[in-house]
Amino acid sequence: MGGILMLSKYLQEGERIKLEIDVIPPFLSFWGRVYKIEKKLFIVEISGQYIQKEPRKVKCTLPTEQKVCIFDTIIHGSQKNMLIIEMPNNNKVQVLQRRRYIRVPIDIGVQCFILGINDQKIETNKYISAIAKDISGGGVLINSSVSLPIGTVVVFEINLDGISLILTAKVLRNEENQTDATRDMGCEFIGLDDSNLMQLINFASKQQLKNKRR
């Protein structure tokens, strides 16, 4: 009963919800809005259409100003721009303090492989060269002479203090760099596991201490 009451504080009609759908490769991530809540299911309205033939696992995130409600469940199907999602088990609902990640400047070259744009997979073997300009547990700012559309999903390997991480990120912002007319692209990490998240947080904390000592 406690889990149901806890979830009901966050899962409400009209609230924004982030969906990270378990596909291979894991790059399908988008926001929607809770449209309707029933006893065993709830319905999320999204922009555009999403089609699936079989049930799929999905990680749902419901943010507020101070906290975030996270749970894993199943998408059972879709009708046009409506997703039919199973109510989660009580033991899969977590409420956490909303993290404010430390963002630190870096200057590290990376080769970005393009996976797709939003839910559209792209068949390509091309990489683009970029420079990672700052990083946090939540995302990275990359600079490149190549402009990527918002919604583009890339995967890249980066070495942070001798630790190599393979990260997947989605472009949320794309602006012209006024210095040299290249593109500064703010990206959000998606499909990030706990191990990589802790590596990023630890790296950012150490870099922040180093910067303060200078």
Foldseek 3Di string as FASTA:
>chain_A
DVLVVVVVVFQDFFFKKKKFWDDVVRDAIDIWTFHADDDFKTKTFDPFFDFDDAKTKIWMWGDDPFKIKIFIWIFGGDDTRMTITTDGDSVRIDIGTDDDWQKDFDWWKKWKDWQAFNPGGDDDPHTFIWTFTMDTLWWTKIWGQDWDDFRIKIWIWDAQPNDIDIWIWGFHDWDADPPPRIIITIITTPPDDPVVSVVRRVSSVVNVVVVVVD
